[in-house]
Amino acid sequence: MTGVEIVGVILRDHPALIERIPVERIKAGSLPDNIVLPALLLRTVSSIDRQWLKRSDVWRVTDRVSVAVRASSYADQIAIIQIIKRLCGGLTGDIGGALRVSILTAGTGPDVGGPANSYEQTQDFRVSFDAAA
């Protein structure tokens, strides 16, 4: 399990977001050049070494996850960033098979020009969870 997978589960499981961005346009790794917009790209920015919890066979993992929003308008880009922040920020619990998940917002990136005159911006999260050692 990774932070990207956890955030992906949350995003793909929210009906209001899926109405705007179908599941097949929420990708990890890279987006195809000709993808229909809007689309989301999830990537791991960094991962802190797993920390062993004494008297346990559990490791605490902390991943920094970036969700890039690629949209055809600036208004869509901003609206989708806000939805993603509300969905993931401050979330705790067991999510997508991961135990004791904690998700904090970790900053919004700059507005950048995406491919084919699209609008792009990232929202980062700090995703911590317990994983079997």
N, C-alpha and C. Protein backbone atom coordinates (compact mmCIF):
# COMPACT_ATOMS: atom_id res chain seq x y z
N MET A 1 0.85 -1.17 0.00
CA MET A 1 0.00 0.00 0.00
C MET A 1 0.89 1.24 0.00
N THR A 2 0.46 2.25 -0.74
CA THR A 2 1.19 3.52 -0.79
C THR A 2 0.20 4.67 -0.54
N GLY A 3 0.76 5.84 -0.25
CA GLY A 3 -0.07 7.02 -0.10
C GLY A 3 -0.85 7.34 -1.36
N VAL A 4 -0.24 7.11 -2.52
CA VAL A 4 -0.93 7.35 -3.79
C VAL A 4 -2.16 6.45 -3.90
N GLU A 5 -2.01 5.18 -3.53
CA GLU A 5 -3.14 4.26 -3.60
C GLU A 5 -4.26 4.69 -2.65
N ILE A 6 -3.90 5.14 -1.46
CA ILE A 6 -4.89 5.57 -0.47
C ILE A 6 -5.66 6.78 -0.99
N VAL A 7 -4.96 7.80 -1.46
CA VAL A 7 -5.63 8.99 -1.99
C VAL A 7 -6.48 8.62 -3.21
N GLY A 8 -5.98 7.73 -4.04
CA GLY A 8 -6.75 7.28 -5.20
C GLY A 8 -8.06 6.63 -4.81
N VAL A 9 -8.04 5.81 -3.76
CA VAL A 9 -9.27 5.18 -3.27
C VAL A 9 -10.28 6.25 -2.86
N ILE A 10 -9.82 7.25 -2.13
CA ILE A 10 -10.72 8.31 -1.66
C ILE A 10 -11.33 9.06 -2.84
N LEU A 11 -10.49 9.45 -3.79
CA LEU A 11 -10.97 10.23 -4.92
C LEU A 11 -11.92 9.44 -5.81
N ARG A 12 -11.60 8.18 -6.06
CA ARG A 12 -12.43 7.36 -6.94
C ARG A 12 -13.75 6.94 -6.29
N ASP A 13 -13.85 7.12 -4.97
CA ASP A 13 -15.02 6.68 -4.24
C ASP A 13 -15.98 7.83 -3.91
N HIS A 14 -15.76 9.00 -4.49
CA HIS A 14 -16.60 10.14 -4.17
C HIS A 14 -17.48 10.51 -5.36
N PRO A 15 -18.80 10.29 -5.26
CA PRO A 15 -19.70 10.49 -6.41
C PRO A 15 -19.65 11.89 -7.02
N ALA A 16 -19.58 12.94 -6.20
CA ALA A 16 -19.59 14.30 -6.76
C ALA A 16 -18.34 14.57 -7.59
N LEU A 17 -17.20 14.02 -7.18
CA LEU A 17 -15.98 14.19 -7.96
C LEU A 17 -16.04 13.37 -9.24
N ILE A 18 -16.56 12.15 -9.14
CA ILE A 18 -16.65 11.26 -10.30
C ILE A 18 -17.60 11.82 -11.36
N GLU A 19 -18.59 12.60 -10.95
CA GLU A 19 -19.45 13.25 -11.93
C GLU A 19 -18.66 14.23 -12.79
N ARG A 20 -17.67 14.88 -12.20
CA ARG A 20 -16.83 15.85 -12.93
C ARG A 20 -15.66 15.18 -13.63
N ILE A 21 -15.08 14.18 -12.97
CA ILE A 21 -13.89 13.50 -13.50
C ILE A 21 -14.12 11.99 -13.40
N PRO A 22 -14.46 11.33 -14.50
CA PRO A 22 -14.69 9.88 -14.45
C PRO A 22 -13.45 9.12 -13.95
N VAL A 23 -13.70 7.98 -13.34
CA VAL A 23 -12.64 7.17 -12.74
C VAL A 23 -11.48 6.93 -13.70
N GLU A 24 -11.78 6.70 -14.98
CA GLU A 24 -10.70 6.40 -15.93
C GLU A 24 -9.78 7.59 -16.19
N ARG A 25 -10.14 8.78 -15.71
CA ARG A 25 -9.28 9.95 -15.86
C ARG A 25 -8.58 10.32 -14.56
N ILE A 26 -8.60 9.42 -13.58
CA ILE A 26 -7.84 9.59 -12.34
C ILE A 26 -6.73 8.55 -12.39
N LYS A 27 -5.52 9.00 -12.66
CA LYS A 27 -4.40 8.10 -12.95
C LYS A 27 -3.24 8.31 -11.98
N ALA A 28 -2.46 7.27 -11.80
CA ALA A 28 -1.20 7.35 -11.06
C ALA A 28 -0.06 7.24 -12.06
N GLY A 29 1.01 7.98 -11.83
CA GLY A 29 2.19 7.88 -12.68
C GLY A 29 2.25 8.92 -13.77
N SER A 30 1.41 8.79 -14.80
CA SER A 30 1.41 9.76 -15.90
C SER A 30 0.05 9.77 -16.59
N LEU A 31 -0.21 10.88 -17.27
CA LEU A 31 -1.45 11.00 -18.05
C LEU A 31 -1.13 10.87 -19.53
N PRO A 32 -1.97 10.19 -20.29
CA PRO A 32 -1.75 10.13 -21.74
C PRO A 32 -1.85 11.53 -22.35
N ASP A 33 -1.14 11.78 -23.43
CA ASP A 33 -1.13 13.09 -24.07
C ASP A 33 -2.51 13.55 -24.51
N ASN A 34 -3.34 12.63 -24.94
CA ASN A 34 -4.63 12.99 -25.52
C ASN A 34 -5.80 12.80 -24.55
N ILE A 35 -5.55 12.80 -23.25
CA ILE A 35 -6.62 12.57 -22.27
C ILE A 35 -7.64 13.70 -22.30
N VAL A 36 -8.89 13.35 -22.17
CA VAL A 36 -9.97 14.33 -22.10
C VAL A 36 -9.89 15.02 -20.74
N LEU A 37 -10.11 16.33 -20.72
CA LEU A 37 -10.02 17.10 -19.48
C LEU A 37 -11.40 17.34 -18.90
N PRO A 38 -11.49 17.48 -17.58
CA PRO A 38 -10.43 17.49 -16.59
C PRO A 38 -9.93 16.08 -16.27
N ALA A 39 -8.72 16.03 -15.71
CA ALA A 39 -8.11 14.77 -15.32
C ALA A 39 -7.25 15.01 -14.08
N LEU A 40 -6.98 13.93 -13.35
CA LEU A 40 -6.14 14.00 -12.16
C LEU A 40 -4.97 13.04 -12.30
N LEU A 41 -3.82 13.49 -11.84
CA LEU A 41 -2.60 12.68 -11.84
C LEU A 41 -2.08 12.61 -10.42
N LEU A 42 -1.92 11.39 -9.90
CA LEU A 42 -1.42 11.18 -8.54
C LEU A 42 0.01 10.66 -8.61
N ARG A 43 0.88 11.29 -7.81
CA ARG A 43 2.29 10.88 -7.78
C ARG A 43 2.84 10.96 -6.36
N THR A 44 3.82 10.11 -6.07
CA THR A 44 4.55 10.21 -4.81
C THR A 44 5.65 11.24 -4.98
N VAL A 45 5.65 12.24 -4.09
CA VAL A 45 6.71 13.26 -4.10
C VAL A 45 7.89 12.75 -3.29
N SER A 46 7.60 12.19 -2.11
CA SER A 46 8.65 11.63 -1.26
C SER A 46 8.02 10.64 -0.31
N SER A 47 8.87 9.79 0.27
CA SER A 47 8.42 8.82 1.24
C SER A 47 9.45 8.76 2.36
N ILE A 48 8.99 8.96 3.58
CA ILE A 48 9.90 8.90 4.73
C ILE A 48 10.12 7.44 5.08
N ASP A 49 11.35 7.12 5.46
CA ASP A 49 11.67 5.75 5.82
C ASP A 49 10.67 5.22 6.84
N ARG A 50 10.36 3.98 6.68
CA ARG A 50 9.41 3.34 7.59
C ARG A 50 10.01 3.30 9.00
N GLN A 51 9.20 3.61 9.97
CA GLN A 51 9.62 3.59 11.36
C GLN A 51 8.94 2.42 12.08
N TRP A 52 9.74 1.58 12.70
CA TRP A 52 9.23 0.40 13.38
C TRP A 52 8.65 0.80 14.72
N LEU A 53 7.45 0.36 15.02
CA LEU A 53 6.83 0.61 16.32
C LEU A 53 7.20 -0.54 17.24
N LYS A 54 7.83 -0.24 18.37
CA LYS A 54 8.31 -1.27 19.29
C LYS A 54 7.19 -2.20 19.72
N ARG A 55 7.57 -3.45 19.94
CA ARG A 55 6.64 -4.51 20.35
C ARG A 55 5.52 -4.72 19.34
N SER A 56 5.86 -4.54 18.10
CA SER A 56 4.84 -4.66 17.07
C SER A 56 5.49 -5.11 15.77
N ASP A 57 4.69 -5.61 14.88
CA ASP A 57 5.18 -5.96 13.55
C ASP A 57 4.62 -4.98 12.52
N VAL A 58 4.48 -3.71 12.95
CA VAL A 58 3.90 -2.66 12.14
C VAL A 58 4.93 -1.56 11.90
N TRP A 59 4.96 -1.07 10.66
CA TRP A 59 5.79 0.06 10.29
C TRP A 59 4.88 1.27 10.07
N ARG A 60 5.31 2.45 10.50
CA ARG A 60 4.58 3.68 10.21
C ARG A 60 5.20 4.28 8.96
N VAL A 61 4.38 4.55 7.96
CA VAL A 61 4.83 5.08 6.68
C VAL A 61 4.24 6.47 6.50
N THR A 62 5.05 7.38 5.98
CA THR A 62 4.55 8.72 5.65
C THR A 62 4.98 9.05 4.23
N ASP A 63 4.00 9.23 3.36
CA ASP A 63 4.24 9.59 1.96
C ASP A 63 3.72 11.00 1.72
N ARG A 64 4.46 11.75 0.93
CA ARG A 64 3.94 13.03 0.44
C ARG A 64 3.39 12.75 -0.95
N VAL A 65 2.10 13.01 -1.13
CA VAL A 65 1.40 12.69 -2.37
C VAL A 65 0.96 13.97 -3.05
N SER A 66 1.21 14.06 -4.33
CA SER A 66 0.81 15.20 -5.14
C SER A 66 -0.34 14.79 -6.05
N VAL A 67 -1.41 15.59 -6.03
CA VAL A 67 -2.53 15.38 -6.95
C VAL A 67 -2.53 16.56 -7.91
N ALA A 68 -2.19 16.30 -9.16
CA ALA A 68 -2.18 17.34 -10.18
C ALA A 68 -3.54 17.38 -10.86
N VAL A 69 -4.10 18.57 -10.90
CA VAL A 69 -5.37 18.80 -11.60
C VAL A 69 -5.03 19.39 -12.95
N ARG A 70 -5.49 18.76 -14.00
CA ARG A 70 -5.33 19.30 -15.35
C ARG A 70 -6.74 19.58 -15.88
N ALA A 71 -7.01 20.84 -16.24
CA ALA A 71 -8.35 21.25 -16.64
C ALA A 71 -8.29 22.12 -17.89
N SER A 72 -9.45 22.31 -18.50
CA SER A 72 -9.51 23.14 -19.71
C SER A 72 -9.79 24.60 -19.39
N SER A 73 -10.10 24.91 -18.11
CA SER A 73 -10.29 26.31 -17.72
C SER A 73 -9.71 26.53 -16.33
N TYR A 74 -9.37 27.78 -16.06
CA TYR A 74 -8.84 28.15 -14.76
C TYR A 74 -9.90 27.94 -13.68
N ALA A 75 -11.14 28.26 -13.98
CA ALA A 75 -12.23 28.10 -13.01
C ALA A 75 -12.39 26.63 -12.61
N ASP A 76 -12.33 25.72 -13.58
CA ASP A 76 -12.41 24.29 -13.28
C ASP A 76 -11.24 23.84 -12.41
N GLN A 77 -10.04 24.32 -12.75
CA GLN A 77 -8.85 23.96 -11.99
C GLN A 77 -9.03 24.34 -10.51
N ILE A 78 -9.45 25.55 -10.23
CA ILE A 78 -9.62 26.02 -8.86
C ILE A 78 -10.73 25.24 -8.15
N ALA A 79 -11.86 25.03 -8.81
CA ALA A 79 -12.98 24.31 -8.20
C ALA A 79 -12.58 22.88 -7.84
N ILE A 80 -11.86 22.21 -8.71
CA ILE A 80 -11.47 20.82 -8.47
C ILE A 80 -10.45 20.75 -7.34
N ILE A 81 -9.50 21.68 -7.28
CA ILE A 81 -8.54 21.72 -6.17
C ILE A 81 -9.29 21.82 -4.85
N GLN A 82 -10.30 22.67 -4.79
CA GLN A 82 -11.07 22.85 -3.55
C GLN A 82 -11.80 21.56 -3.17
N ILE A 83 -12.37 20.86 -4.13
CA ILE A 83 -13.05 19.59 -3.86
C ILE A 83 -12.06 18.58 -3.29
N ILE A 84 -10.90 18.48 -3.91
CA ILE A 84 -9.89 17.51 -3.48
C ILE A 84 -9.42 17.82 -2.06
N LYS A 85 -9.19 19.09 -1.76
CA LYS A 85 -8.77 19.47 -0.40
C LYS A 85 -9.82 19.08 0.63
N ARG A 86 -11.10 19.33 0.31
CA ARG A 86 -12.18 18.99 1.26
C ARG A 86 -12.31 17.47 1.43
N LEU A 87 -12.12 16.72 0.37
CA LEU A 87 -12.26 15.26 0.45
C LEU A 87 -11.16 14.61 1.29
N CYS A 88 -9.92 15.05 1.09
CA CYS A 88 -8.79 14.34 1.68
C CYS A 88 -8.23 14.99 2.95
N GLY A 89 -8.24 16.30 3.03
CA GLY A 89 -7.61 17.00 4.14
C GLY A 89 -8.25 16.70 5.47
N GLY A 90 -7.45 16.29 6.45
CA GLY A 90 -7.94 16.02 7.79
C GLY A 90 -8.62 14.67 7.97
N LEU A 91 -8.57 13.83 6.96
CA LEU A 91 -9.22 12.52 7.00
C LEU A 91 -8.40 11.54 7.84
N THR A 92 -9.09 10.73 8.64
CA THR A 92 -8.42 9.69 9.44
C THR A 92 -9.26 8.42 9.39
N GLY A 93 -8.63 7.31 9.71
CA GLY A 93 -9.34 6.03 9.80
C GLY A 93 -8.66 4.96 8.97
N ASP A 94 -9.34 3.84 8.82
CA ASP A 94 -8.86 2.75 7.97
C ASP A 94 -9.43 2.98 6.58
N ILE A 95 -8.55 3.10 5.59
CA ILE A 95 -8.97 3.48 4.24
C ILE A 95 -8.32 2.56 3.22
N GLY A 96 -9.10 1.97 2.36
CA GLY A 96 -8.59 1.17 1.25
C GLY A 96 -7.66 0.05 1.66
N GLY A 97 -7.89 -0.55 2.81
CA GLY A 97 -7.03 -1.63 3.28
C GLY A 97 -5.86 -1.16 4.12
N ALA A 98 -5.62 0.14 4.20
CA ALA A 98 -4.55 0.69 5.04
C ALA A 98 -5.11 1.02 6.42
N LEU A 99 -4.31 0.78 7.44
CA LEU A 99 -4.76 0.98 8.81
C LEU A 99 -4.25 2.29 9.39
N ARG A 100 -5.08 2.90 10.23
CA ARG A 100 -4.74 4.11 10.97
C ARG A 100 -4.18 5.20 10.06
N VAL A 101 -4.92 5.48 9.01
CA VAL A 101 -4.51 6.50 8.04
C VAL A 101 -4.77 7.89 8.60
N SER A 102 -3.86 8.79 8.32
CA SER A 102 -4.01 10.20 8.67
C SER A 102 -3.56 11.01 7.46
N ILE A 103 -4.43 11.91 6.98
CA ILE A 103 -4.09 12.72 5.80
C ILE A 103 -4.18 14.19 6.16
N LEU A 104 -3.10 14.90 5.92
CA LEU A 104 -3.04 16.35 6.14
C LEU A 104 -2.72 17.04 4.82
N THR A 105 -3.27 18.24 4.63
CA THR A 105 -2.88 19.00 3.44
C THR A 105 -1.42 19.41 3.62
N ALA A 106 -0.70 19.51 2.51
CA ALA A 106 0.73 19.84 2.56
C ALA A 106 1.10 20.91 1.54
N GLY A 107 0.13 21.73 1.15
CA GLY A 107 0.41 22.84 0.26
C GLY A 107 -0.17 22.68 -1.12
N THR A 108 -0.46 23.84 -1.71
CA THR A 108 -0.95 23.90 -3.08
C THR A 108 0.16 24.48 -3.95
N GLY A 109 0.41 23.84 -5.08
CA GLY A 109 1.48 24.28 -5.96
C GLY A 109 1.08 25.46 -6.82
N PRO A 110 2.01 25.94 -7.63
CA PRO A 110 1.74 27.10 -8.48
C PRO A 110 0.84 26.74 -9.66
N ASP A 111 0.19 27.76 -10.20
CA ASP A 111 -0.54 27.59 -11.45
C ASP A 111 0.49 27.46 -12.57
N VAL A 112 0.34 26.44 -13.38
CA VAL A 112 1.26 26.28 -14.51
C VAL A 112 0.46 25.97 -15.77
N GLY A 113 1.05 26.27 -16.89
CA GLY A 113 0.44 25.90 -18.16
C GLY A 113 0.69 24.44 -18.43
N GLY A 114 -0.36 23.70 -18.67
CA GLY A 114 -0.22 22.29 -18.98
C GLY A 114 -0.14 22.06 -20.48
N PRO A 115 -0.05 20.81 -20.89
CA PRO A 115 0.00 20.48 -22.31
C PRO A 115 -1.25 20.96 -23.04
N ALA A 116 -1.09 21.32 -24.29
CA ALA A 116 -2.19 21.71 -25.17
C ALA A 116 -3.03 22.85 -24.59
N ASN A 117 -2.36 23.84 -24.03
CA ASN A 117 -3.02 25.03 -23.46
C ASN A 117 -3.99 24.70 -22.33
N SER A 118 -3.70 23.66 -21.57
CA SER A 118 -4.53 23.32 -20.42
C SER A 118 -4.02 24.07 -19.18
N TYR A 119 -4.80 24.01 -18.13
CA TYR A 119 -4.46 24.65 -16.86
C TYR A 119 -4.10 23.54 -15.88
N GLU A 120 -3.03 23.75 -15.10
CA GLU A 120 -2.59 22.69 -14.20
C GLU A 120 -2.13 23.27 -12.87
N GLN A 121 -2.46 22.56 -11.80
CA GLN A 121 -2.03 22.93 -10.46
C GLN A 121 -2.03 21.67 -9.61
N THR A 122 -1.17 21.64 -8.58
CA THR A 122 -1.10 20.47 -7.72
C THR A 122 -1.55 20.80 -6.30
N GLN A 123 -2.11 19.80 -5.67
CA GLN A 123 -2.41 19.85 -4.24
C GLN A 123 -1.67 18.69 -3.60
N ASP A 124 -0.85 18.99 -2.60
CA ASP A 124 -0.07 17.96 -1.92
C ASP A 124 -0.72 17.56 -0.61
N PHE A 125 -0.48 16.30 -0.23
CA PHE A 125 -0.98 15.76 1.03
C PHE A 125 0.14 14.99 1.71
N ARG A 126 0.09 14.96 3.02
CA ARG A 126 0.98 14.13 3.84
C ARG A 126 0.12 12.97 4.33
N VAL A 127 0.42 11.77 3.82
CA VAL A 127 -0.39 10.58 4.10
C VAL A 127 0.43 9.63 4.98
N SER A 128 -0.02 9.43 6.21
CA SER A 128 0.64 8.51 7.14
C SER A 128 -0.28 7.31 7.39
N PHE A 129 0.32 6.14 7.50
CA PHE A 129 -0.47 4.93 7.72
C PHE A 129 0.43 3.83 8.25
N ASP A 130 -0.20 2.81 8.84
CA ASP A 130 0.54 1.65 9.35
C ASP A 130 0.54 0.56 8.29
N ALA A 131 1.70 -0.06 8.12
CA ALA A 131 1.84 -1.15 7.16
C ALA A 131 2.51 -2.33 7.86
N ALA A 132 2.18 -3.52 7.42
CA ALA A 132 2.81 -4.71 7.99
C ALA A 132 4.30 -4.69 7.70
N ALA A 133 5.08 -5.07 8.69
CA ALA A 133 6.55 -5.07 8.56
C ALA A 133 7.01 -6.18 7.65
